[in-house]
């Protein structure tokens, strides 16, 4: 029985003997035995070579790194991300005008306001700190919901965002402005969990500084063999936020926080679109 098992392993190793013919030793060990020993010492050699070949092919085709966040998703998902970024810009513009210079989705700006407020001993530091805490809480809630539903993360998180925005609009109708602002901050934080995977957010829908850095990096890579249009997905994401901000600024003078009903409806619509799209192949199962 042992001899038979050994012979079967040797016969299986013959499939890979050609890979090692060039490096086979010239001593008393035969080619087949050498291949057998090498495949046991390096069991993933063939898989590594295959992965390396695919990585090189991918790099030549796109000019981007294999783990580039935007290249993980297809065109439909990129358009969805741009639409969600527009919602973030729309809500942030309404919040900015309502709060007199504070943000509900742009935490870099609030962090600067926090630092300046602390230096000046101003009450603005408390407002900025409260908004930052609200946003982080929203991110945590969105991440928890995403982990619970797993592959159906996108429609579930977008449904949560739509619900929170609807609550904010309802609170404004009841003249509860501060709770409405809190609901807005929670919604914007939760929205960033739409494209979370393995505990990491791969497409940030409100962090445009990093997005513009990616645009510059992709443009700089063009003379060195990078894809000539590799920067466009990131530019589209930024353009979506700016377009949404313009719309929010135009709507606010006439509707005020009631304009959040539009954002809630858009988020609900995108949730239905996400259901229609189904779970993305890059989502965990």
C-alpha atoms as a PDB file:
ATOM      1  CA  UNK A   1       0.000   0.000   0.000  1.00  0.00           C
ATOM      2  CA  UNK A   2       2.813   2.422   0.792  1.00  0.00           C
ATOM      3  CA  UNK A   3       4.536   1.687  -2.476  1.00  0.00           C
ATOM      4  CA  UNK A   4       1.296   2.286  -4.359  1.00  0.00           C
ATOM      5  CA  UNK A   5       0.766   5.618  -2.591  1.00  0.00           C
ATOM      6  CA  UNK A   6       4.290   6.693  -3.392  1.00  0.00           C
ATOM      7  CA  UNK A   7       3.934   5.728  -7.028  1.00  0.00           C
ATOM      8  CA  UNK A   8       0.660   7.671  -7.315  1.00  0.00           C
ATOM      9  CA  UNK A   9       2.349  10.748  -5.891  1.00  0.00           C
ATOM     10  CA  UNK A  10       5.205  10.312  -8.319  1.00  0.00           C
ATOM     11  CA  UNK A  11       2.793   9.955 -11.229  1.00  0.00           C
ATOM     12  CA  UNK A  12       1.061  13.160 -10.135  1.00  0.00           C
ATOM     13  CA  UNK A  13       4.381  14.915  -9.921  1.00  0.00           C
ATOM     14  CA  UNK A  14       5.119  14.038 -13.564  1.00  0.00           C
ATOM     15  CA  UNK A  15       2.589  16.684 -14.584  1.00  0.00           C
ATOM     16  CA  UNK A  16       4.907  19.318 -13.201  1.00  0.00           C
ATOM     17  CA  UNK A  17       8.208  17.765 -14.218  1.00  0.00           C
ATOM     18  CA  UNK A  18       8.484  19.959 -17.303  1.00  0.00           C
ATOM     19  CA  UNK A  19       8.439  23.043 -15.115  1.00  0.00           C
ATOM     20  CA  UNK A  20      11.589  21.898 -13.400  1.00  0.00           C
ATOM     21  CA  UNK A  21      13.536  20.361 -16.288  1.00  0.00           C
ATOM     22  CA  UNK A  22      15.742  23.392 -16.711  1.00  0.00           C
ATOM     23  CA  UNK A  23      16.594  23.516 -13.020  1.00  0.00           C
ATOM     24  CA  UNK A  24      16.787  19.717 -12.522  1.00  0.00           C
ATOM     25  CA  UNK A  25      20.077  18.594 -10.965  1.00  0.00           C
ATOM     26  CA  UNK A  26      22.501  16.452 -12.892  1.00  0.00           C
ATOM     27  CA  UNK A  27      23.315  14.181  -9.982  1.00  0.00           C
ATOM     28  CA  UNK A  28      21.862  10.779  -9.219  1.00  0.00           C
ATOM     29  CA  UNK A  29      18.342  12.092  -8.425  1.00  0.00           C
ATOM     30  CA  UNK A  30      16.063  11.619 -11.417  1.00  0.00           C
ATOM     31  CA  UNK A  31      13.943  14.352 -12.986  1.00  0.00           C
ATOM     32  CA  UNK A  32      10.652  12.946 -11.698  1.00  0.00           C
ATOM     33  CA  UNK A  33      11.938  12.519  -8.175  1.00  0.00           C
ATOM     34  CA  UNK A  34      13.330  16.040  -8.246  1.00  0.00           C
ATOM     35  CA  UNK A  35       9.987  17.418  -9.395  1.00  0.00           C
ATOM     36  CA  UNK A  36       8.246  15.452  -6.661  1.00  0.00           C
ATOM     37  CA  UNK A  37      10.502  16.913  -3.988  1.00  0.00           C
ATOM     38  CA  UNK A  38      10.218  20.453  -5.327  1.00  0.00           C
ATOM     39  CA  UNK A  39       6.406  20.394  -5.518  1.00  0.00           C
ATOM     40  CA  UNK A  40       6.282  19.270  -1.905  1.00  0.00           C
ATOM     41  CA  UNK A  41       8.776  21.910  -0.788  1.00  0.00           C
ATOM     42  CA  UNK A  42       7.011  24.643  -2.752  1.00  0.00           C
ATOM     43  CA  UNK A  43       3.355  23.565  -2.959  1.00  0.00           C
ATOM     44  CA  UNK A  44       2.151  26.946  -4.169  1.00  0.00           C
ATOM     45  CA  UNK A  45       4.824  27.575  -6.798  1.00  0.00           C
ATOM     46  CA  UNK A  46       2.478  26.970  -9.725  1.00  0.00           C
ATOM     47  CA  UNK A  47      -0.292  29.035  -8.118  1.00  0.00           C
ATOM     48  CA  UNK A  48       2.127  31.863  -7.395  1.00  0.00           C
ATOM     49  CA  UNK A  49       3.347  31.853 -10.980  1.00  0.00           C
ATOM     50  CA  UNK A  50      -0.244  31.953 -12.210  1.00  0.00           C
ATOM     51  CA  UNK A  51      -1.139  34.813  -9.879  1.00  0.00           C
ATOM     52  CA  UNK A  52       1.993  36.701 -10.922  1.00  0.00           C
ATOM     53  CA  UNK A  53       1.071  36.284 -14.575  1.00  0.00           C
ATOM     54  CA  UNK A  54      -2.434  37.573 -13.959  1.00  0.00           C
ATOM     55  CA  UNK A  55      -1.077  40.528 -11.992  1.00  0.00           C
ATOM     56  CA  UNK A  56       1.307  41.439 -14.817  1.00  0.00           C
ATOM     57  CA  UNK A  57      -1.480  41.140 -17.374  1.00  0.00           C
ATOM     58  CA  UNK A  58      -3.734  43.271 -15.214  1.00  0.00           C
ATOM     59  CA  UNK A  59      -1.053  45.889 -14.746  1.00  0.00           C
ATOM     60  CA  UNK A  60      -0.410  46.143 -18.489  1.00  0.00           C
ATOM     61  CA  UNK A  61      -4.106  46.386 -19.211  1.00  0.00           C
ATOM     62  CA  UNK A  62      -5.064  49.044 -16.671  1.00  0.00           C
ATOM     63  CA  UNK A  63      -1.807  50.614 -15.556  1.00  0.00           C
ATOM     64  CA  UNK A  64      -3.015  50.442 -11.952  1.00  0.00           C
ATOM     65  CA  UNK A  65      -2.154  48.399  -8.942  1.00  0.00           C
ATOM     66  CA  UNK A  66      -3.972  45.138  -8.490  1.00  0.00           C
ATOM     67  CA  UNK A  67      -5.590  46.259  -5.226  1.00  0.00           C
ATOM     68  CA  UNK A  68      -6.747  49.676  -6.440  1.00  0.00           C
ATOM     69  CA  UNK A  69     -10.068  50.290  -4.716  1.00  0.00           C
ATOM     70  CA  UNK A  70     -11.906  51.624  -7.768  1.00  0.00           C
ATOM     71  CA  UNK A  71     -10.749  48.839 -10.091  1.00  0.00           C
ATOM     72  CA  UNK A  72     -12.308  46.301  -7.748  1.00  0.00           C
ATOM     73  CA  UNK A  73     -15.760  47.325  -8.953  1.00  0.00           C
ATOM     74  CA  UNK A  74     -17.434  47.433 -12.352  1.00  0.00           C
ATOM     75  CA  UNK A  75     -18.845  50.487 -14.103  1.00  0.00           C
ATOM     76  CA  UNK A  76     -22.313  50.166 -12.584  1.00  0.00           C
ATOM     77  CA  UNK A  77     -20.913  50.286  -9.073  1.00  0.00           C
ATOM     78  CA  UNK A  78     -18.742  53.283  -9.910  1.00  0.00           C
ATOM     79  CA  UNK A  79     -21.796  55.149 -11.172  1.00  0.00           C
ATOM     80  CA  UNK A  80     -23.654  54.166  -8.010  1.00  0.00           C
ATOM     81  CA  UNK A  81     -20.765  55.538  -5.953  1.00  0.00           C
ATOM     82  CA  UNK A  82     -20.889  58.832  -7.878  1.00  0.00           C
ATOM     83  CA  UNK A  83     -24.628  59.086  -7.227  1.00  0.00           C
ATOM     84  CA  UNK A  84     -24.156  58.458  -3.517  1.00  0.00           C
ATOM     85  CA  UNK A  85     -21.383  61.032  -3.452  1.00  0.00           C
ATOM     86  CA  UNK A  86     -23.863  63.504  -4.961  1.00  0.00           C
ATOM     87  CA  UNK A  87     -26.270  62.771  -2.097  1.00  0.00           C
ATOM     88  CA  UNK A  88     -23.460  63.446   0.367  1.00  0.00           C
ATOM     89  CA  UNK A  89     -22.667  66.765  -1.312  1.00  0.00           C
ATOM     90  CA  UNK A  90     -26.348  67.714  -1.373  1.00  0.00           C
ATOM     91  CA  UNK A  91     -26.877  66.978   2.326  1.00  0.00           C
ATOM     92  CA  UNK A  92     -23.588  68.568   3.313  1.00  0.00           C
ATOM     93  CA  UNK A  93     -24.463  71.800   1.511  1.00  0.00           C
ATOM     94  CA  UNK A  94     -27.816  71.972   3.303  1.00  0.00           C
ATOM     95  CA  UNK A  95     -26.129  71.267   6.614  1.00  0.00           C
ATOM     96  CA  UNK A  96     -23.399  73.823   5.938  1.00  0.00           C
ATOM     97  CA  UNK A  97     -25.928  76.576   5.221  1.00  0.00           C
ATOM     98  CA  UNK A  98     -28.090  75.595   8.165  1.00  0.00           C
ATOM     99  CA  UNK A  99     -25.200  75.445  10.658  1.00  0.00           C
ATOM    100  CA  UNK A 100     -23.453  78.569   9.419  1.00  0.00           C
ATOM    101  CA  UNK A 101     -20.182  77.034   8.299  1.00  0.00           C
ATOM    102  CA  UNK A 102     -20.087  73.556   9.829  1.00  0.00           C
ATOM    103  CA  UNK A 103     -20.366  70.269   7.965  1.00  0.00           C
ATOM    104  CA  UNK A 104     -22.328  67.056   8.409  1.00  0.00           C
ATOM    105  CA  UNK A 105     -20.162  64.919   6.104  1.00  0.00           C
ATOM    106  CA  UNK A 106     -16.830  66.747   5.701  1.00  0.00           C
ATOM    107  CA  UNK A 107     -15.009  65.954   8.935  1.00  0.00           C
ATOM    108  CA  UNK A 108     -11.680  67.439   7.831  1.00  0.00           C
ATOM    109  CA  UNK A 109     -13.338  70.849   7.827  1.00  0.00           C
ATOM    110  CA  UNK A 110     -14.941  70.228  11.205  1.00  0.00           C
ATOM    111  CA  UNK A 111     -11.601  69.084  12.596  1.00  0.00           C
ATOM    112  CA  UNK A 112     -10.057  72.384  11.503  1.00  0.00           C
ATOM    113  CA  UNK A 113     -12.957  74.278  13.095  1.00  0.00           C
ATOM    114  CA  UNK A 114     -12.400  72.252  16.261  1.00  0.00           C
ATOM    115  CA  UNK A 115      -8.726  73.180  16.381  1.00  0.00           C
ATOM    116  CA  UNK A 116      -9.390  76.873  15.755  1.00  0.00           C
ATOM    117  CA  UNK A 117     -12.198  76.901  18.302  1.00  0.00           C
ATOM    118  CA  UNK A 118      -9.982  75.319  20.930  1.00  0.00           C
ATOM    119  CA  UNK A 119      -7.276  77.889  20.260  1.00  0.00           C
ATOM    120  CA  UNK A 120      -9.733  80.776  20.524  1.00  0.00           C
ATOM    121  CA  UNK A 121     -11.790  79.320  23.355  1.00  0.00           C
ATOM    122  CA  UNK A 122     -14.883  79.524  21.158  1.00  0.00           C
ATOM    123  CA  UNK A 123     -18.111  77.560  21.435  1.00  0.00           C
ATOM    124  CA  UNK A 124     -17.530  76.484  17.848  1.00  0.00           C
ATOM    125  CA  UNK A 125     -15.189  73.829  19.216  1.00  0.00           C
ATOM    126  CA  UNK A 126     -18.109  72.139  20.984  1.00  0.00           C
ATOM    127  CA  UNK A 127     -20.231  72.210  17.845  1.00  0.00           C
ATOM    128  CA  UNK A 128     -17.435  70.739  15.734  1.00  0.00           C
ATOM    129  CA  UNK A 129     -16.700  68.047  18.326  1.00  0.00           C
ATOM    130  CA  UNK A 130     -20.374  67.073  18.531  1.00  0.00           C
ATOM    131  CA  UNK A 131     -20.623  66.782  14.739  1.00  0.00           C
ATOM    132  CA  UNK A 132     -17.469  64.669  14.554  1.00  0.00           C
ATOM    133  CA  UNK A 133     -18.768  62.343  17.280  1.00  0.00           C
ATOM    134  CA  UNK A 134     -22.110  62.054  15.499  1.00  0.00           C
ATOM    135  CA  UNK A 135     -20.438  61.209  12.198  1.00  0.00           C
ATOM    136  CA  UNK A 136     -18.220  58.535  13.768  1.00  0.00           C
ATOM    137  CA  UNK A 137     -21.274  57.037  15.469  1.00  0.00           C
ATOM    138  CA  UNK A 138     -23.027  56.907  12.105  1.00  0.00           C
ATOM    139  CA  UNK A 139     -20.062  55.099  10.570  1.00  0.00           C
ATOM    140  CA  UNK A 140     -20.168  52.545  13.395  1.00  0.00           C
ATOM    141  CA  UNK A 141     -23.908  51.989  12.998  1.00  0.00           C
ATOM    142  CA  UNK A 142     -23.589  51.561   9.237  1.00  0.00           C
ATOM    143  CA  UNK A 143     -20.708  49.122   9.664  1.00  0.00           C
ATOM    144  CA  UNK A 144     -22.677  47.054  12.172  1.00  0.00           C
ATOM    145  CA  UNK A 145     -25.664  46.870   9.835  1.00  0.00           C
ATOM    146  CA  UNK A 146     -23.383  45.879   6.965  1.00  0.00           C
ATOM    147  CA  UNK A 147     -21.745  43.116   8.988  1.00  0.00           C
ATOM    148  CA  UNK A 148     -25.129  41.730  10.002  1.00  0.00           C
ATOM    149  CA  UNK A 149     -26.506  41.483   6.467  1.00  0.00           C
ATOM    150  CA  UNK A 150     -23.135  40.709   4.798  1.00  0.00           C
ATOM    151  CA  UNK A 151     -23.639  40.339   1.012  1.00  0.00           C
ATOM    152  CA  UNK A 152     -26.752  42.559   1.085  1.00  0.00           C
ATOM    153  CA  UNK A 153     -24.804  45.383   2.682  1.00  0.00           C
ATOM    154  CA  UNK A 154     -25.460  48.004   0.039  1.00  0.00           C
ATOM    155  CA  UNK A 155     -29.270  48.004  -0.025  1.00  0.00           C
ATOM    156  CA  UNK A 156     -29.418  47.588   3.762  1.00  0.00           C
ATOM    157  CA  UNK A 157     -27.064  50.483   4.500  1.00  0.00           C
ATOM    158  CA  UNK A 158     -28.727  52.680   1.878  1.00  0.00           C
ATOM    159  CA  UNK A 159     -32.093  51.880   3.406  1.00  0.00           C
ATOM    160  CA  UNK A 160     -30.685  53.011   6.751  1.00  0.00           C
ATOM    161  CA  UNK A 161     -29.412  56.232   5.185  1.00  0.00           C
ATOM    162  CA  UNK A 162     -32.815  56.916   3.606  1.00  0.00           C
ATOM    163  CA  UNK A 163     -34.524  56.290   6.952  1.00  0.00           C
ATOM    164  CA  UNK A 164     -32.201  58.626   8.853  1.00  0.00           C
ATOM    165  CA  UNK A 165     -32.632  61.401   6.287  1.00  0.00           C
ATOM    166  CA  UNK A 166     -36.405  60.984   6.418  1.00  0.00           C
ATOM    167  CA  UNK A 167     -36.235  61.208  10.218  1.00  0.00           C
ATOM    168  CA  UNK A 168     -34.180  64.397   9.906  1.00  0.00           C
ATOM    169  CA  UNK A 169     -36.734  65.953   7.564  1.00  0.00           C
ATOM    170  CA  UNK A 170     -39.580  64.917   9.880  1.00  0.00           C
ATOM    171  CA  UNK A 171     -37.835  66.397  12.912  1.00  0.00           C
ATOM    172  CA  UNK A 172     -37.408  69.680  11.062  1.00  0.00           C
ATOM    173  CA  UNK A 173     -41.132  69.732  10.364  1.00  0.00           C
ATOM    174  CA  UNK A 174     -41.641  69.381  14.116  1.00  0.00           C
ATOM    175  CA  UNK A 175     -39.256  72.325  14.692  1.00  0.00           C
ATOM    176  CA  UNK A 176     -36.623  70.023  16.197  1.00  0.00           C
ATOM    177  CA  UNK A 177     -33.623  71.412  14.348  1.00  0.00           C
ATOM    178  CA  UNK A 178     -30.832  70.057  16.540  1.00  0.00           C
ATOM    179  CA  UNK A 179     -32.078  66.455  16.512  1.00  0.00           C
ATOM    180  CA  UNK A 180     -32.520  66.837  12.757  1.00  0.00           C
ATOM    181  CA  UNK A 181     -28.864  67.829  12.403  1.00  0.00           C
ATOM    182  CA  UNK A 182     -27.858  64.798  14.474  1.00  0.00           C
ATOM    183  CA  UNK A 183     -29.852  62.521  12.190  1.00  0.00           C
ATOM    184  CA  UNK A 184     -28.149  64.108   9.172  1.00  0.00           C
ATOM    185  CA  UNK A 185     -24.701  63.461  10.638  1.00  0.00           C
ATOM    186  CA  UNK A 186     -25.596  59.859  11.426  1.00  0.00           C
ATOM    187  CA  UNK A 187     -26.843  59.361   7.861  1.00  0.00           C
ATOM    188  CA  UNK A 188     -23.672  60.741   6.315  1.00  0.00           C
ATOM    189  CA  UNK A 189     -21.491  58.598   8.525  1.00  0.00           C
ATOM    190  CA  UNK A 190     -23.509  55.474   7.768  1.00  0.00           C
ATOM    191  CA  UNK A 191     -23.345  56.130   4.019  1.00  0.00           C
ATOM    192  CA  UNK A 192     -19.591  55.519   4.037  1.00  0.00           C
ATOM    193  CA  UNK A 193     -20.204  51.898   5.046  1.00  0.00           C
ATOM    194  CA  UNK A 194     -21.855  51.097   1.715  1.00  0.00           C
ATOM    195  CA  UNK A 195     -18.544  50.025   0.172  1.00  0.00           C
ATOM    196  CA  UNK A 196     -17.003  48.476   3.248  1.00  0.00           C
ATOM    197  CA  UNK A 197     -15.304  45.096   2.858  1.00  0.00           C
ATOM    198  CA  UNK A 198     -13.381  43.067   5.425  1.00  0.00           C
ATOM    199  CA  UNK A 199     -13.648  45.922   7.893  1.00  0.00           C
ATOM    200  CA  UNK A 200     -12.150  48.475   5.485  1.00  0.00           C
ATOM    201  CA  UNK A 201     -13.951  51.161   3.487  1.00  0.00           C
ATOM    202  CA  UNK A 202     -12.739  50.889  -0.104  1.00  0.00           C
ATOM    203  CA  UNK A 203     -14.669  53.814  -1.592  1.00  0.00           C
ATOM    204  CA  UNK A 204     -15.141  56.807   0.675  1.00  0.00           C
ATOM    205  CA  UNK A 205     -18.147  58.839  -0.405  1.00  0.00           C
ATOM    206  CA  UNK A 206     -17.401  61.960   1.628  1.00  0.00           C
ATOM    207  CA  UNK A 207     -13.583  62.111   1.781  1.00  0.00           C
ATOM    208  CA  UNK A 208     -12.757  64.041  -1.380  1.00  0.00           C
ATOM    209  CA  UNK A 209      -9.227  65.070  -0.415  1.00  0.00           C
ATOM    210  CA  UNK A 210      -8.069  61.484  -0.791  1.00  0.00           C
ATOM    211  CA  UNK A 211     -10.058  61.179  -4.001  1.00  0.00           C
ATOM    212  CA  UNK A 212      -8.329  64.195  -5.539  1.00  0.00           C
ATOM    213  CA  UNK A 213      -4.972  62.768  -4.456  1.00  0.00           C
ATOM    214  CA  UNK A 214      -5.852  59.645  -6.459  1.00  0.00           C
ATOM    215  CA  UNK A 215      -6.704  61.808  -9.473  1.00  0.00           C
ATOM    216  CA  UNK A 216      -3.288  63.451  -9.320  1.00  0.00           C
ATOM    217  CA  UNK A 217      -1.503  60.122  -8.856  1.00  0.00           C
ATOM    218  CA  UNK A 218      -3.246  58.531 -11.832  1.00  0.00           C
ATOM    219  CA  UNK A 219      -2.454  61.509 -14.042  1.00  0.00           C
ATOM    220  CA  UNK A 220       1.199  61.359 -12.949  1.00  0.00           C
ATOM    221  CA  UNK A 221       1.354  57.643 -13.831  1.00  0.00           C
ATOM    222  CA  UNK A 222       0.383  58.190 -17.485  1.00  0.00           C
ATOM    223  CA  UNK A 223       3.939  58.974 -18.748  1.00  0.00           C
ATOM    224  CA  UNK A 224       5.182  55.854 -16.949  1.00  0.00           C
ATOM    225  CA  UNK A 225       2.799  53.403 -18.572  1.00  0.00           C
ATOM    226  CA  UNK A 226      -0.306  54.054 -16.511  1.00  0.00           C
ATOM    227  CA  UNK A 227      -3.756  53.947 -18.061  1.00  0.00           C
ATOM    228  CA  UNK A 228      -4.609  57.267 -19.761  1.00  0.00           C
ATOM    229  CA  UNK A 229      -8.106  57.255 -18.269  1.00  0.00           C
ATOM    230  CA  UNK A 230      -7.343  55.688 -14.882  1.00  0.00           C
ATOM    231  CA  UNK A 231      -8.070  58.994 -13.157  1.00  0.00           C
ATOM    232  CA  UNK A 232     -11.648  59.302 -14.448  1.00  0.00           C
ATOM    233  CA  UNK A 233     -13.434  57.119 -11.824  1.00  0.00           C
ATOM    234  CA  UNK A 234     -12.013  59.270  -9.034  1.00  0.00           C
ATOM    235  CA  UNK A 235     -12.808  62.481 -10.891  1.00  0.00           C
ATOM    236  CA  UNK A 236     -16.378  61.264 -11.391  1.00  0.00           C
ATOM    237  CA  UNK A 237     -16.661  60.650  -7.649  1.00  0.00           C
ATOM    238  CA  UNK A 238     -15.484  64.190  -6.899  1.00  0.00           C
ATOM    239  CA  UNK A 239     -17.729  65.657  -9.585  1.00  0.00           C
ATOM    240  CA  UNK A 240     -20.721  63.894  -8.073  1.00  0.00           C
ATOM    241  CA  UNK A 241     -20.137  65.533  -4.694  1.00  0.00           C
ATOM    242  CA  UNK A 242     -19.701  68.985  -6.237  1.00  0.00           C
ATOM    243  CA  UNK A 243     -22.849  68.579  -8.328  1.00  0.00           C
ATOM    244  CA  UNK A 244     -24.820  67.521  -5.291  1.00  0.00           C
ATOM    245  CA  UNK A 245     -23.493  70.474  -3.303  1.00  0.00           C
ATOM    246  CA  UNK A 246     -24.629  72.871  -6.028  1.00  0.00           C
ATOM    247  CA  UNK A 247     -28.098  71.322  -5.976  1.00  0.00           C
ATOM    248  CA  UNK A 248     -28.300  71.516  -2.187  1.00  0.00           C
ATOM    249  CA  UNK A 249     -27.254  75.169  -2.175  1.00  0.00           C
ATOM    250  CA  UNK A 250     -29.930  75.984  -4.764  1.00  0.00           C
ATOM    251  CA  UNK A 251     -32.661  74.119  -2.884  1.00  0.00           C
ATOM    252  CA  UNK A 252     -31.933  75.365   0.632  1.00  0.00           C
ATOM    253  CA  UNK A 253     -33.155  79.004   0.275  1.00  0.00           C
ATOM    254  CA  UNK A 254     -36.649  77.837  -0.669  1.00  0.00           C
ATOM    255  CA  UNK A 255     -37.008  74.547   1.232  1.00  0.00           C
ATOM    256  CA  UNK A 256     -34.539  74.660   4.090  1.00  0.00           C
ATOM    257  CA  UNK A 257     -34.099  71.308   5.832  1.00  0.00           C
ATOM    258  CA  UNK A 258     -37.281  70.118   4.134  1.00  0.00           C
ATOM    259  CA  UNK A 259     -35.044  69.606   1.119  1.00  0.00           C
ATOM    260  CA  UNK A 260     -33.799  66.499   2.916  1.00  0.00           C
ATOM    261  CA  UNK A 261     -36.921  64.706   1.675  1.00  0.00           C
ATOM    262  CA  UNK A 262     -35.328  64.798  -1.772  1.00  0.00           C
ATOM    263  CA  UNK A 263     -32.141  63.232  -0.424  1.00  0.00           C
ATOM    264  CA  UNK A 264     -34.125  60.590   1.468  1.00  0.00           C
ATOM    265  CA  UNK A 265     -36.025  59.689  -1.697  1.00  0.00           C
ATOM    266  CA  UNK A 266     -32.804  59.498  -3.710  1.00  0.00           C
ATOM    267  CA  UNK A 267     -31.185  57.241  -1.110  1.00  0.00           C
ATOM    268  CA  UNK A 268     -34.248  54.984  -1.146  1.00  0.00           C
ATOM    269  CA  UNK A 269     -34.126  54.829  -4.932  1.00  0.00           C
ATOM    270  CA  UNK A 270     -30.459  53.872  -4.870  1.00  0.00           C
ATOM    271  CA  UNK A 271     -31.275  51.184  -2.317  1.00  0.00           C
ATOM    272  CA  UNK A 272     -33.684  49.653  -4.834  1.00  0.00           C
ATOM    273  CA  UNK A 273     -31.023  49.941  -7.527  1.00  0.00           C
ATOM    274  CA  UNK A 274     -28.589  48.130  -5.246  1.00  0.00           C
ATOM    275  CA  UNK A 275     -31.142  45.340  -4.764  1.00  0.00           C
ATOM    276  CA  UNK A 276     -31.509  45.049  -8.535  1.00  0.00           C
ATOM    277  CA  UNK A 277     -27.737  44.950  -8.994  1.00  0.00           C
ATOM    278  CA  UNK A 278     -27.421  42.109  -6.521  1.00  0.00           C
ATOM    279  CA  UNK A 279     -24.381  41.366  -4.354  1.00  0.00           C
ATOM    280  CA  UNK A 280     -21.122  42.411  -5.937  1.00  0.00           C
ATOM    281  CA  UNK A 281     -18.577  39.658  -6.515  1.00  0.00           C
ATOM    282  CA  UNK A 282     -16.092  41.525  -4.352  1.00  0.00           C
ATOM    283  CA  UNK A 283     -18.452  41.450  -1.385  1.00  0.00           C
ATOM    284  CA  UNK A 284     -17.848  38.832   1.299  1.00  0.00           C
ATOM    285  CA  UNK A 285     -20.163  35.877   1.255  1.00  0.00           C
END
